[in-house]
Amino acid sequence: MSHTILEWLQQVMSSPWLYVALFALALLDGFFPVVPAETSVITAGVFAASGQTNLALVIVVAALGAFCGDHISYLLGHKGGGRLRERKAFVWARGALAERGGLVLVVARYVPGGRTATTLTMGAVRYPLRSFTFFDSIAAVSWGVYSGLIGFFGGMAFENDPIKGLLLGLGIALSVTAVVEIVRWIRKRRAIKASPERLPADTSV
């Protein structure tokens, strides 16, 4: 079974259309987050370790696709964000945006569901497009480098067994995501504990 999967992956990775597909997946993932863009970039990075793909090109097309997809999401939020503002994810994104400014876009790139909520929210609240583009370029490039290198080093660790390299890369990516979520949860708990308790209302006349 694994041999069949490996053969199929090798055929896909050797296709000249691979980079077009990576760009399209990264773009769609900007406003349709169920698309497996990160998994695809990690997979391409795994095969870059054996020379079947070009790591630099994988990173560039992934980052460019993410950058374009985020801007589409921003424009969607700009045009129709009013209907989304009270949903839980968007309330979180709005609060994070008020607290951290444009840097939240970089952080949200690694939070499940956070990226799309943040880009839509930034469009809905009319966050300056120039500032959005600046921070999004950092987010997109860092994500492309992160995903590509995780796959590449996983592929180097298991050069003769790309399937294990892919599993290692995905495991690292999931671990990083879990750590981000745990840290965010701990910080939220600490912030709640540190907030002053509400004083009882003065009922004296």
Protein backbone atom coordinates (compact mmCIF):
# COMPACT_ATOMS: atom_id res chain seq x y z
CA MET A 1 0.00 0.00 0.00
CA SER A 2 2.74 2.48 1.00
CA HIS A 3 4.65 1.57 -2.19
CA THR A 4 1.60 2.50 -4.31
CA ILE A 5 1.18 5.78 -2.44
CA LEU A 6 4.88 6.53 -2.90
CA GLU A 7 4.70 5.89 -6.65
CA TRP A 8 1.68 8.16 -6.95
CA LEU A 9 3.38 10.93 -4.97
CA GLN A 10 6.52 10.64 -7.09
CA GLN A 11 4.47 11.00 -10.27
CA VAL A 12 2.73 14.09 -8.90
CA MET A 13 5.95 15.64 -7.66
CA SER A 14 7.71 15.16 -10.98
CA SER A 15 4.92 16.89 -12.90
CA PRO A 16 5.65 20.43 -14.16
CA TRP A 17 2.13 21.36 -13.03
CA LEU A 18 3.08 20.79 -9.40
CA TYR A 19 4.02 24.44 -8.83
CA VAL A 20 0.79 25.67 -10.40
CA ALA A 21 -1.13 23.33 -8.09
CA LEU A 22 0.81 24.53 -5.02
CA PHE A 23 0.07 28.16 -5.90
CA ALA A 24 -3.64 27.40 -6.44
CA LEU A 25 -3.96 25.45 -3.17
CA ALA A 26 -2.20 28.15 -1.16
CA LEU A 27 -4.41 30.80 -2.77
CA LEU A 28 -7.65 28.92 -2.07
CA ASP A 29 -6.54 28.22 1.50
CA GLY A 30 -6.59 31.97 2.13
CA PHE A 31 -10.39 32.10 2.06
CA PHE A 32 -11.37 28.40 1.96
CA PRO A 33 -9.32 26.89 4.83
CA VAL A 34 -10.32 23.24 4.31
CA VAL A 35 -7.92 23.07 1.35
CA PRO A 36 -4.78 21.05 2.34
CA ALA A 37 -2.28 23.71 1.30
CA GLU A 38 0.19 23.23 4.15
CA THR A 39 0.22 19.45 3.72
CA SER A 40 0.92 19.88 0.01
CA VAL A 41 3.83 22.26 0.62
CA ILE A 42 5.31 19.93 3.26
CA THR A 43 4.98 17.01 0.85
CA ALA A 44 6.74 18.96 -1.90
CA GLY A 45 9.47 19.84 0.62
CA VAL A 46 9.95 16.16 1.45
CA PHE A 47 10.56 15.33 -2.20
CA ALA A 48 12.86 18.34 -2.56
CA ALA A 49 15.30 16.49 -0.28
CA SER A 50 15.76 13.88 -3.02
CA GLY A 51 15.92 16.47 -5.81
CA GLN A 52 12.50 15.71 -7.31
CA THR A 53 11.25 19.22 -6.61
CA ASN A 54 12.96 22.59 -6.28
CA LEU A 55 12.75 23.73 -2.65
CA ALA A 56 13.23 27.44 -3.42
CA LEU A 57 10.50 27.36 -6.06
CA VAL A 58 8.17 25.44 -3.73
CA ILE A 59 8.61 28.12 -1.07
CA VAL A 60 8.17 31.00 -3.53
CA VAL A 61 4.97 29.74 -5.16
CA ALA A 62 3.48 28.73 -1.79
CA ALA A 63 4.21 32.14 -0.27
CA LEU A 64 2.91 33.97 -3.36
CA GLY A 65 -0.28 31.91 -3.40
CA ALA A 66 -0.85 32.53 0.33
CA PHE A 67 -0.23 36.26 -0.16
CA CYS A 68 -2.78 36.49 -3.00
CA GLY A 69 -5.32 34.34 -1.14
CA ASP A 70 -5.09 36.50 1.98
CA HIS A 71 -5.73 39.62 -0.09
CA ILE A 72 -8.81 38.02 -1.65
CA SER A 73 -10.02 37.22 1.86
CA TYR A 74 -9.35 40.82 2.92
CA LEU A 75 -11.43 42.11 -0.01
CA LEU A 76 -14.26 39.71 0.82
CA GLY A 77 -14.26 41.00 4.38
CA HIS A 78 -14.15 44.58 3.13
CA LYS A 79 -17.26 44.05 1.00
CA GLY A 80 -19.37 41.81 3.21
CA GLY A 81 -17.78 41.65 6.65
CA GLY A 82 -20.74 43.19 8.44
CA ARG A 83 -22.56 39.85 8.47
CA LEU A 84 -19.57 38.11 10.09
CA ARG A 85 -18.60 40.46 12.89
CA GLU A 86 -20.48 38.71 15.71
CA ARG A 87 -19.23 35.19 15.04
CA LYS A 88 -16.90 33.77 17.67
CA ALA A 89 -13.78 33.51 15.48
CA PHE A 90 -14.21 37.07 14.28
CA VAL A 91 -14.74 38.39 17.79
CA TRP A 92 -11.41 36.78 18.72
CA ALA A 93 -9.70 38.20 15.65
CA ARG A 94 -11.06 41.68 16.35
CA GLY A 95 -9.82 41.57 19.94
CA ALA A 96 -6.42 40.27 18.89
CA LEU A 97 -6.18 42.95 16.23
CA ALA A 98 -6.92 45.67 18.78
CA GLU A 99 -4.28 44.23 21.12
CA ARG A 100 -1.43 43.45 18.72
CA GLY A 101 -2.17 45.40 15.56
CA GLY A 102 -0.87 44.02 12.26
CA LEU A 103 1.40 41.49 13.99
CA VAL A 104 -1.67 39.40 14.73
CA LEU A 105 -1.75 38.53 11.03
CA VAL A 106 1.66 36.85 11.35
CA VAL A 107 0.63 34.95 14.48
CA ALA A 108 -2.76 33.96 13.06
CA ARG A 109 -1.06 32.24 10.11
CA TYR A 110 -0.24 29.39 12.54
CA VAL A 111 -3.54 29.31 14.43
CA PRO A 112 -6.13 26.85 13.03
CA GLY A 113 -9.00 28.87 11.64
CA GLY A 114 -7.38 32.08 12.82
CA ARG A 115 -5.85 33.18 9.53
CA THR A 116 -9.06 33.43 7.54
CA ALA A 117 -10.94 35.02 10.45
CA THR A 118 -8.17 37.60 10.81
CA THR A 119 -7.91 38.52 7.14
CA LEU A 120 -11.68 38.81 6.78
CA THR A 121 -11.89 40.87 9.97
CA MET A 122 -9.12 43.21 8.88
CA GLY A 123 -11.06 43.82 5.70
CA ALA A 124 -14.33 44.28 7.58
CA VAL A 125 -12.87 46.88 9.96
CA ARG A 126 -11.18 48.69 7.04
CA TYR A 127 -7.64 48.04 8.30
CA PRO A 128 -5.27 50.06 6.03
CA LEU A 129 -4.46 48.00 2.96
CA ARG A 130 -0.84 49.15 2.84
CA SER A 131 -0.21 47.97 6.41
CA PHE A 132 -2.11 44.75 5.72
CA THR A 133 0.09 44.06 2.69
CA PHE A 134 3.25 44.68 4.72
CA PHE A 135 2.35 42.30 7.53
CA ASP A 136 0.84 39.74 5.19
CA SER A 137 4.06 39.56 3.17
CA ILE A 138 5.88 38.62 6.40
CA ALA A 139 3.21 36.05 7.27
CA ALA A 140 3.12 34.46 3.81
CA VAL A 141 6.89 34.22 3.40
CA SER A 142 7.42 32.84 6.91
CA TRP A 143 4.70 30.24 6.32
CA GLY A 144 6.18 29.18 2.98
CA VAL A 145 9.66 28.85 4.47
CA TYR A 146 8.35 27.03 7.55
CA SER A 147 6.27 24.50 5.60
CA GLY A 148 8.89 23.89 2.91
CA LEU A 149 11.78 23.43 5.36
CA ILE A 150 9.82 21.13 7.65
CA GLY A 151 9.19 18.83 4.69
CA PHE A 152 12.76 19.19 3.40
CA PHE A 153 14.43 18.22 6.68
CA GLY A 154 11.91 15.44 7.19
CA GLY A 155 12.82 14.16 3.72
CA MET A 156 16.55 14.35 4.54
CA ALA A 157 16.00 12.35 7.72
CA PHE A 158 14.30 9.57 5.74
CA GLU A 159 15.87 9.96 2.31
CA ASN A 160 15.13 6.36 1.35
CA ASP A 161 11.58 6.40 2.69
CA PRO A 162 9.74 9.63 1.74
CA ILE A 163 6.52 8.41 3.36
CA LYS A 164 8.18 8.45 6.78
CA GLY A 165 9.66 11.83 5.97
CA LEU A 166 6.20 13.13 5.12
CA LEU A 167 4.76 11.75 8.35
CA LEU A 168 7.60 13.32 10.32
CA GLY A 169 7.03 16.69 8.64
CA LEU A 170 3.29 16.59 9.31
CA GLY A 171 3.95 15.53 12.89
CA ILE A 172 6.25 18.51 13.44
CA ALA A 173 3.74 20.90 11.89
CA LEU A 174 0.95 19.55 14.11
CA SER A 175 3.21 19.79 17.15
CA VAL A 176 4.06 23.42 16.41
CA THR A 177 0.36 24.20 15.97
CA ALA A 178 -0.45 22.46 19.26
CA VAL A 179 2.26 24.44 21.08
CA VAL A 180 0.90 27.71 19.67
CA GLU A 181 -2.60 26.80 20.82
CA ILE A 182 -1.40 25.76 24.31
CA VAL A 183 0.61 28.95 24.77
CA ARG A 184 -2.36 31.01 23.61
CA TRP A 185 -4.64 29.16 26.07
CA ILE A 186 -2.20 29.64 28.97
CA ARG A 187 -1.84 33.35 28.24
CA LYS A 188 -5.59 33.73 28.10
CA ARG A 189 -6.00 31.96 31.44
CA ARG A 190 -3.33 34.14 33.04
CA ALA A 191 -4.95 37.28 31.66
CA ILE A 192 -8.30 36.24 33.15
CA LYS A 193 -6.72 35.53 36.54
CA ALA A 194 -4.78 38.80 36.47
CA SER A 195 -7.82 40.92 35.65
CA PRO A 196 -9.24 42.75 38.70
CA GLU A 197 -12.36 41.20 40.13
CA ARG A 198 -15.48 43.24 39.83
CA LEU A 199 -16.36 45.05 43.03
CA PRO A 200 -19.89 44.51 44.40
CA ALA A 201 -22.24 47.30 43.55
CA ASP A 202 -22.69 49.95 46.25
CA THR A 203 -26.24 49.58 47.52
CA SER A 204 -25.96 52.19 50.24
CA VAL A 205 -28.32 55.15 50.02
